[in-house]
Amino acid sequence: MNACDIALPNINAIKPYQPGKPIDELERELGISNIIKLASNENPLGPSEVVLTAIAQAAKALTRYPDGNGFVLKAALADYYQLTADQITLGNGSNDVLELLARTFVSPADEVIFSQYAFAVYPLVTQAIGAKAVIAPSRDFGHDLDAMTTLISDKTKLIFIANPNNPTGTAIAPEQIEAFLQQVPSSVIVVLDEAYVEYTTQTVNTVEWLANYPNLVITRTFSKAYGLAALRVGYSLSSPDIADLLNRIRQPFNVNSLALAAATAALSEQAYIDQTKQVNEAGLKQFEAGFKLLGLSFIPSKGNFITVNVKRNADAVFQLLLQQGVIVRPIANYGLPHHLRISIGLPTENQRCLDALAIALEQKHD
């Protein structure tokens, strides 16, 4: 008997996440250099000097365990959002918090609702628990909140809404989300996943909704706009009651000391966020114009990536781009076999990607 014979059936059925290979390894395998990575929705600017200084200072205490409560970062977040520290849960990336939410509120007898083409972590955590995934059909590659409403049953425990959505980049107007919240029973937790919210021009402060909807949880991250993907630090904002439950099962040292220090420093750097948004907006326009020249349709994006229909097997195009030293993300696992998701890079990286894509599309495909 092997381990799979004694593992839970729902765990056996999970398809493992397939991360991309490190750039150094790809360069060795392909015999090329100067590979650019536009696959993981990372900030192309690199960390700020303020963040690097904070990391260097925190590194002097590497022999000590992190602050298990994240006191300083939670205080900074509470001040930033005008909340109390007991409304905040820290995670090893926001993915960690999404899993905590599922483990806290969902049993194998329950249902979790999310959208077609939604973030891959939602079905993953649902299946890991053994609960039933209820997938709402997409509308124009984005969330259809009316369809979601019709799927709510007495077995529904959790609803995931990504805004903007990964991998499609679509966004829902805040007024529509609040109208949806008003229809959801108070016994159902609604998770508003705002990992990319800093890239939007949204003027409605969704954090203010927490006062009126005690079943609402907002998750955010420092991995995207704040440029701290390698450090893995995210968080949720919620009622104190929900945060208390999440913190009961959260590992006490789930966010390391360097991440805590870097995130605290990054939170005060509005100039960095402004620059990030400018680079991203210009990059989106650059890709949109390039796709139009290539005769390709794309999904208008509110994130730091854009999804394009290459009108053929996208994995084959991905491989041809890889041979030219450009890494993007095929998303057939999301049910979009003809689409590639491309992260926004620096202007020279974006142009190199577009040039490589033009060459790839000229080649014959199966």
Foldseek 3Di string as FASTA:
>chain_A
DDPLVVDDPLVNPDDDDDDDDDLVVLCVVLVHDDFDEFADQFQQPAADPLLVVLLVVLVVPVVDFAQLLLVLLLVLVCVVLVHDSLQKDKALALLRVVLLVCVLWHALQAEEEEEQLADPSRVVSCSVRNHHYDYFYADLSADDLVSVLVPDDPRAAEYEHEALGPPAQDHDQPVVVVVSLVSDDLNHAYEYEDQFVLLAPHPDDCLVCQVVRQSYKYKYGCRHLVRPVVQRMIMIGHPSVVSVSSSVPDDSRRGGSSRSSSSSSSVPCVVSSVVSNVQQVVQLVVVVVLCVVVVWDWRDHSGQKTKIFLPDQVVQLQVQLVSVSYHWAQVVVSVRRRMIITGRHGPVNSVSSSVSSSVSSVDDDD
